[in-house]
Amino acid sequence: MIRQVLDERVVAEDIPEDAIKRAFETHRERFRAPSLYEAAHILFAIKPGAEDGHPQSRDKALQKAELVLKLVNEKPKKFGQAARENSDCSSKGNDGMLGQLSTGDTVPEFDAALATITVGEVHPELIETEFGFHIIRLDARAEGDFLPYDSVKTTISEAMERAAWAQAAQRFTAELVTGAEITGLRLTAAA
């Protein structure tokens, strides 16, 4: 019922075209096509609830991952062999190569690491995800192009309209509270 009242009484102002364009230009970096990556990894899986000492306990996986990371940092050409011998991922049969990935294809921690690695390098730290510890090598990156205004105009407009409606609903609610007379309750200041 509250939503019905708000829908009937709250009217948000229309968003002018110049405001939409200004938002687009101000936040240009947000409007890109996803980046593409070619990467390889070595996964040291963690089994949830595994007891200490189990090969897939967090501690054991971390110890093994640290040793292998040290090896591939010292001898980067050994990455493929290290993947074949140590990875808990099926990509180990392909030297850890994952093929072409797009932003959002992997878990957020993995995506974030891909965005920061220099092409041709191994990430200097282990990346922990819900699956375990990863050693990640980035072989290629193609940054996503900026999207044209016409392709994102509707999305920006809808987001701005939702924000304007929420602000109008907040003002309307505040006006109701300010003008309300409450009886039957005695409010006291909190100690």
C-alpha atoms as a PDB file:
ATOM      1  CA  MET A   1       0.000   0.000   0.000  1.00  0.00           C
ATOM      2  CA  ILE A   2       2.864   2.358   0.742  1.00  0.00           C
ATOM      3  CA  ARG A   3       4.285   1.735  -2.729  1.00  0.00           C
ATOM      4  CA  GLN A   4       0.868   2.486  -4.275  1.00  0.00           C
ATOM      5  CA  VAL A   5       0.711   5.814  -2.437  1.00  0.00           C
ATOM      6  CA  LEU A   6       4.224   6.666  -3.565  1.00  0.00           C
ATOM      7  CA  ASP A   7       3.454   5.678  -7.158  1.00  0.00           C
ATOM      8  CA  GLU A   8       0.357   7.905  -7.150  1.00  0.00           C
ATOM      9  CA  ARG A   9       1.814  10.919  -5.357  1.00  0.00           C
ATOM     10  CA  VAL A  10       5.490  11.038  -6.290  1.00  0.00           C
ATOM     11  CA  VAL A  11       6.369  12.519  -9.636  1.00  0.00           C
ATOM     12  CA  ALA A  12      10.012  12.835 -10.524  1.00  0.00           C
ATOM     13  CA  GLU A  13      11.160  15.542 -12.888  1.00  0.00           C
ATOM     14  CA  ASP A  14      12.073  14.535 -16.420  1.00  0.00           C
ATOM     15  CA  ILE A  15      15.789  14.255 -17.054  1.00  0.00           C
ATOM     16  CA  PRO A  16      16.905  16.737 -19.710  1.00  0.00           C
ATOM     17  CA  GLU A  17      19.044  15.491 -22.601  1.00  0.00           C
ATOM     18  CA  ASP A  18      21.949  17.771 -21.655  1.00  0.00           C
ATOM     19  CA  ALA A  19      22.064  16.238 -18.142  1.00  0.00           C
ATOM     20  CA  ILE A  20      22.269  12.748 -19.653  1.00  0.00           C
ATOM     21  CA  LYS A  21      25.094  13.854 -21.967  1.00  0.00           C
ATOM     22  CA  ARG A  22      26.902  15.523 -19.068  1.00  0.00           C
ATOM     23  CA  ALA A  23      26.690  12.303 -17.016  1.00  0.00           C
ATOM     24  CA  PHE A  24      28.032  10.360 -20.006  1.00  0.00           C
ATOM     25  CA  GLU A  25      30.962  12.722 -20.503  1.00  0.00           C
ATOM     26  CA  THR A  26      31.747  12.982 -16.783  1.00  0.00           C
ATOM     27  CA  HIS A  27      31.805   9.210 -16.268  1.00  0.00           C
ATOM     28  CA  ARG A  28      33.131   8.168 -19.689  1.00  0.00           C
ATOM     29  CA  GLU A  29      35.312   5.388 -18.214  1.00  0.00           C
ATOM     30  CA  ARG A  30      32.199   3.514 -17.011  1.00  0.00           C
ATOM     31  CA  PHE A  31      30.935   3.095 -20.547  1.00  0.00           C
ATOM     32  CA  ARG A  32      33.337   0.668 -22.172  1.00  0.00           C
ATOM     33  CA  ALA A  33      32.943  -2.671 -23.879  1.00  0.00           C
ATOM     34  CA  PRO A  34      34.402  -5.502 -21.775  1.00  0.00           C
ATOM     35  CA  SER A  35      38.141  -6.052 -22.081  1.00  0.00           C
ATOM     36  CA  LEU A  36      39.420  -9.339 -23.504  1.00  0.00           C
ATOM     37  CA  TYR A  37      42.258 -11.337 -21.973  1.00  0.00           C
ATOM     38  CA  GLU A  38      44.314 -14.387 -22.819  1.00  0.00           C
ATOM     39  CA  ALA A  39      45.535 -15.850 -19.564  1.00  0.00           C
ATOM     40  CA  ALA A  40      46.878 -18.975 -17.941  1.00  0.00           C
ATOM     41  CA  HIS A  41      46.649 -20.010 -14.319  1.00  0.00           C
ATOM     42  CA  ILE A  42      47.653 -22.637 -11.823  1.00  0.00           C
ATOM     43  CA  LEU A  43      44.932 -23.436  -9.297  1.00  0.00           C
ATOM     44  CA  PHE A  44      45.573 -24.761  -5.817  1.00  0.00           C
ATOM     45  CA  ALA A  45      42.064 -25.792  -4.819  1.00  0.00           C
ATOM     46  CA  ILE A  46      40.717 -25.397  -1.335  1.00  0.00           C
ATOM     47  CA  LYS A  47      38.136 -27.897  -0.162  1.00  0.00           C
ATOM     48  CA  PRO A  48      35.721 -26.149   2.232  1.00  0.00           C
ATOM     49  CA  GLY A  49      35.931 -27.709   5.671  1.00  0.00           C
ATOM     50  CA  ALA A  50      39.058 -29.719   4.902  1.00  0.00           C
ATOM     51  CA  GLU A  51      40.972 -30.508   8.080  1.00  0.00           C
ATOM     52  CA  ASP A  52      44.487 -29.140   8.564  1.00  0.00           C
ATOM     53  CA  GLY A  53      46.917 -31.501   6.876  1.00  0.00           C
ATOM     54  CA  HIS A  54      44.492 -32.463   4.077  1.00  0.00           C
ATOM     55  CA  PRO A  55      46.099 -31.637   0.682  1.00  0.00           C
ATOM     56  CA  GLN A  56      43.226 -29.256  -0.089  1.00  0.00           C
ATOM     57  CA  SER A  57      43.076 -27.531   3.287  1.00  0.00           C
ATOM     58  CA  ARG A  58      43.671 -23.798   3.059  1.00  0.00           C
ATOM     59  CA  ASP A  59      47.040 -24.016   4.821  1.00  0.00           C
ATOM     60  CA  LYS A  60      48.376 -26.853   2.645  1.00  0.00           C
ATOM     61  CA  ALA A  61      47.126 -25.231  -0.560  1.00  0.00           C
ATOM     62  CA  LEU A  62      48.740 -21.934   0.455  1.00  0.00           C
ATOM     63  CA  GLN A  63      52.080 -23.568   1.261  1.00  0.00           C
ATOM     64  CA  LYS A  64      52.189 -25.401  -2.051  1.00  0.00           C
ATOM     65  CA  ALA A  65      51.046 -22.314  -3.992  1.00  0.00           C
ATOM     66  CA  GLU A  66      53.760 -20.147  -2.425  1.00  0.00           C
ATOM     67  CA  LEU A  67      56.459 -22.656  -3.427  1.00  0.00           C
ATOM     68  CA  VAL A  68      55.226 -22.862  -7.016  1.00  0.00           C
ATOM     69  CA  LEU A  69      54.851 -19.052  -7.258  1.00  0.00           C
ATOM     70  CA  LYS A  70      58.476 -18.688  -6.189  1.00  0.00           C
ATOM     71  CA  LEU A  71      59.508 -21.216  -8.862  1.00  0.00           C
ATOM     72  CA  VAL A  72      57.624 -19.498 -11.713  1.00  0.00           C
ATOM     73  CA  ASN A  73      58.886 -16.078 -10.626  1.00  0.00           C
ATOM     74  CA  GLU A  74      62.466 -17.375 -10.787  1.00  0.00           C
ATOM     75  CA  LYS A  75      61.912 -19.393 -13.980  1.00  0.00           C
ATOM     76  CA  PRO A  76      58.903 -18.019 -15.914  1.00  0.00           C
ATOM     77  CA  LYS A  77      59.419 -20.507 -18.764  1.00  0.00           C
ATOM     78  CA  LYS A  78      58.524 -23.294 -16.302  1.00  0.00           C
ATOM     79  CA  PHE A  79      54.937 -21.983 -15.953  1.00  0.00           C
ATOM     80  CA  GLY A  80      53.418 -24.586 -18.298  1.00  0.00           C
ATOM     81  CA  GLN A  81      55.257 -27.461 -16.648  1.00  0.00           C
ATOM     82  CA  ALA A  82      54.308 -26.150 -13.190  1.00  0.00           C
ATOM     83  CA  ALA A  83      50.659 -25.993 -14.287  1.00  0.00           C
ATOM     84  CA  ARG A  84      50.720 -29.551 -15.643  1.00  0.00           C
ATOM     85  CA  GLU A  85      52.308 -30.887 -12.454  1.00  0.00           C
ATOM     86  CA  ASN A  86      50.462 -28.852  -9.812  1.00  0.00           C
ATOM     87  CA  SER A  87      47.172 -27.339 -10.976  1.00  0.00           C
ATOM     88  CA  ASP A  88      43.847 -28.605  -9.710  1.00  0.00           C
ATOM     89  CA  CYS A  89      42.126 -27.156 -12.803  1.00  0.00           C
ATOM     90  CA  SER A  90      41.382 -29.093 -15.975  1.00  0.00           C
ATOM     91  CA  SER A  91      43.335 -26.412 -17.865  1.00  0.00           C
ATOM     92  CA  LYS A  92      46.519 -28.081 -16.581  1.00  0.00           C
ATOM     93  CA  GLY A  93      46.482 -30.331 -19.653  1.00  0.00           C
ATOM     94  CA  ASN A  94      46.866 -27.162 -21.722  1.00  0.00           C
ATOM     95  CA  ASP A  95      49.710 -25.683 -19.620  1.00  0.00           C
ATOM     96  CA  GLY A  96      47.136 -23.746 -17.583  1.00  0.00           C
ATOM     97  CA  MET A  97      45.918 -21.721 -20.569  1.00  0.00           C
ATOM     98  CA  LEU A  98      42.338 -20.556 -20.170  1.00  0.00           C
ATOM     99  CA  GLY A  99      41.835 -19.214 -23.681  1.00  0.00           C
ATOM    100  CA  GLN A 100      40.102 -15.905 -24.295  1.00  0.00           C
ATOM    101  CA  LEU A 101      38.300 -14.396 -21.312  1.00  0.00           C
ATOM    102  CA  SER A 102      36.124 -11.336 -21.104  1.00  0.00           C
ATOM    103  CA  THR A 103      35.614  -9.056 -18.135  1.00  0.00           C
ATOM    104  CA  GLY A 104      33.026 -10.804 -15.963  1.00  0.00           C
ATOM    105  CA  ASP A 105      33.825 -14.344 -17.149  1.00  0.00           C
ATOM    106  CA  THR A 106      35.676 -15.118 -13.924  1.00  0.00           C
ATOM    107  CA  VAL A 107      35.168 -14.315 -10.256  1.00  0.00           C
ATOM    108  CA  PRO A 108      35.758 -10.661  -9.231  1.00  0.00           C
ATOM    109  CA  GLU A 109      39.150 -11.285  -7.598  1.00  0.00           C
ATOM    110  CA  PHE A 110      40.446 -13.002 -10.744  1.00  0.00           C
ATOM    111  CA  ASP A 111      39.037 -10.232 -12.977  1.00  0.00           C
ATOM    112  CA  ALA A 112      40.690  -7.572 -10.817  1.00  0.00           C
ATOM    113  CA  ALA A 113      44.039  -9.354 -11.065  1.00  0.00           C
ATOM    114  CA  LEU A 114      43.770  -9.624 -14.858  1.00  0.00           C
ATOM    115  CA  ALA A 115      43.212  -5.875 -15.080  1.00  0.00           C
ATOM    116  CA  THR A 116      46.454  -5.139 -13.197  1.00  0.00           C
ATOM    117  CA  ILE A 117      48.958  -7.623 -14.618  1.00  0.00           C
ATOM    118  CA  THR A 118      51.464  -6.474 -17.224  1.00  0.00           C
ATOM    119  CA  VAL A 119      51.118  -8.476 -20.450  1.00  0.00           C
ATOM    120  CA  GLY A 120      53.654 -11.299 -20.536  1.00  0.00           C
ATOM    121  CA  GLU A 121      54.058 -11.342 -16.752  1.00  0.00           C
ATOM    122  CA  VAL A 122      52.931 -13.483 -13.842  1.00  0.00           C
ATOM    123  CA  HIS A 123      50.983 -11.692 -11.118  1.00  0.00           C
ATOM    124  CA  PRO A 124      53.488 -11.165  -8.302  1.00  0.00           C
ATOM    125  CA  GLU A 125      51.086 -12.415  -5.635  1.00  0.00           C
ATOM    126  CA  LEU A 126      48.766 -15.352  -5.186  1.00  0.00           C
ATOM    127  CA  ILE A 127      45.135 -14.510  -5.897  1.00  0.00           C
ATOM    128  CA  GLU A 128      42.677 -16.100  -3.492  1.00  0.00           C
ATOM    129  CA  THR A 129      39.147 -16.819  -4.687  1.00  0.00           C
ATOM    130  CA  GLU A 130      36.357 -19.077  -3.506  1.00  0.00           C
ATOM    131  CA  PHE A 131      38.047 -21.878  -5.488  1.00  0.00           C
ATOM    132  CA  GLY A 132      41.484 -21.575  -3.925  1.00  0.00           C
ATOM    133  CA  PHE A 133      44.775 -19.869  -4.730  1.00  0.00           C
ATOM    134  CA  HIS A 134      45.708 -18.913  -8.280  1.00  0.00           C
ATOM    135  CA  ILE A 135      48.978 -18.083  -9.937  1.00  0.00           C
ATOM    136  CA  ILE A 136      47.987 -16.025 -12.973  1.00  0.00           C
ATOM    137  CA  ARG A 137      49.945 -15.192 -16.126  1.00  0.00           C
ATOM    138  CA  LEU A 138      48.585 -12.674 -18.620  1.00  0.00           C
ATOM    139  CA  ASP A 139      49.498 -13.421 -22.238  1.00  0.00           C
ATOM    140  CA  ALA A 140      47.441 -10.731 -24.018  1.00  0.00           C
ATOM    141  CA  ARG A 141      44.962  -7.938 -23.296  1.00  0.00           C
ATOM    142  CA  ALA A 142      42.606  -5.998 -25.566  1.00  0.00           C
ATOM    143  CA  GLU A 143      41.048  -3.057 -23.733  1.00  0.00           C
ATOM    144  CA  GLY A 144      37.354  -2.636 -24.404  1.00  0.00           C
ATOM    145  CA  ASP A 145      36.528   0.358 -26.610  1.00  0.00           C
ATOM    146  CA  PHE A 146      34.527   3.285 -25.337  1.00  0.00           C
ATOM    147  CA  LEU A 147      30.866   2.827 -26.157  1.00  0.00           C
ATOM    148  CA  PRO A 148      29.124   5.502 -28.231  1.00  0.00           C
ATOM    149  CA  TYR A 149      26.659   7.814 -26.497  1.00  0.00           C
ATOM    150  CA  ASP A 150      23.659   6.503 -28.454  1.00  0.00           C
ATOM    151  CA  SER A 151      24.261   2.946 -27.222  1.00  0.00           C
ATOM    152  CA  VAL A 152      24.230   3.921 -23.517  1.00  0.00           C
ATOM    153  CA  LYS A 153      21.869   6.911 -23.501  1.00  0.00           C
ATOM    154  CA  THR A 154      18.823   4.833 -22.467  1.00  0.00           C
ATOM    155  CA  THR A 155      20.721   3.093 -19.663  1.00  0.00           C
ATOM    156  CA  ILE A 156      21.987   6.414 -18.284  1.00  0.00           C
ATOM    157  CA  SER A 157      18.566   8.008 -18.592  1.00  0.00           C
ATOM    158  CA  GLU A 158      16.831   5.134 -16.777  1.00  0.00           C
ATOM    159  CA  ALA A 159      19.397   5.219 -13.942  1.00  0.00           C
ATOM    160  CA  MET A 160      18.992   8.980 -13.573  1.00  0.00           C
ATOM    161  CA  GLU A 161      15.189   8.654 -13.604  1.00  0.00           C
ATOM    162  CA  ARG A 162      15.319   6.010 -10.841  1.00  0.00           C
ATOM    163  CA  ALA A 163      17.588   8.255  -8.758  1.00  0.00           C
ATOM    164  CA  ALA A 164      15.315  11.275  -9.315  1.00  0.00           C
ATOM    165  CA  TRP A 165      12.237   9.240  -8.306  1.00  0.00           C
ATOM    166  CA  ALA A 166      13.982   7.970  -5.147  1.00  0.00           C
ATOM    167  CA  GLN A 167      14.904  11.543  -4.172  1.00  0.00           C
ATOM    168  CA  ALA A 168      11.346  12.739  -4.826  1.00  0.00           C
ATOM    169  CA  ALA A 169       9.951   9.841  -2.749  1.00  0.00           C
ATOM    170  CA  GLN A 170      12.332  10.733   0.074  1.00  0.00           C
ATOM    171  CA  ARG A 171      11.205  14.393  -0.010  1.00  0.00           C
ATOM    172  CA  PHE A 172       7.534  13.339  -0.068  1.00  0.00           C
ATOM    173  CA  THR A 173       8.046  10.991   2.891  1.00  0.00           C
ATOM    174  CA  ALA A 174       9.908  13.685   4.843  1.00  0.00           C
ATOM    175  CA  GLU A 175       7.035  16.123   4.209  1.00  0.00           C
ATOM    176  CA  LEU A 176       4.527  13.546   5.486  1.00  0.00           C
ATOM    177  CA  VAL A 177       6.565  12.959   8.632  1.00  0.00           C
ATOM    178  CA  THR A 178       7.041  16.673   9.260  1.00  0.00           C
ATOM    179  CA  GLY A 179       3.315  17.352   8.937  1.00  0.00           C
ATOM    180  CA  ALA A 180       2.179  14.278  10.854  1.00  0.00           C
ATOM    181  CA  GLU A 181       0.538  14.497  14.253  1.00  0.00           C
ATOM    182  CA  ILE A 182       1.332  11.427  16.325  1.00  0.00           C
ATOM    183  CA  THR A 183      -1.003  10.581  19.196  1.00  0.00           C
ATOM    184  CA  GLY A 184      -0.994   7.746  21.678  1.00  0.00           C
ATOM    185  CA  LEU A 185       2.779   7.649  22.022  1.00  0.00           C
ATOM    186  CA  ARG A 186       5.144   9.522  24.219  1.00  0.00           C
ATOM    187  CA  LEU A 187       8.604   9.784  22.698  1.00  0.00           C
ATOM    188  CA  THR A 188      11.562  10.360  24.976  1.00  0.00           C
ATOM    189  CA  ALA A 189      15.140  11.137  24.148  1.00  0.00           C
ATOM    190  CA  ALA A 190      17.475   8.141  24.192  1.00  0.00           C
ATOM    191  CA  ALA A 191      19.865   8.126  27.156  1.00  0.00           C
END
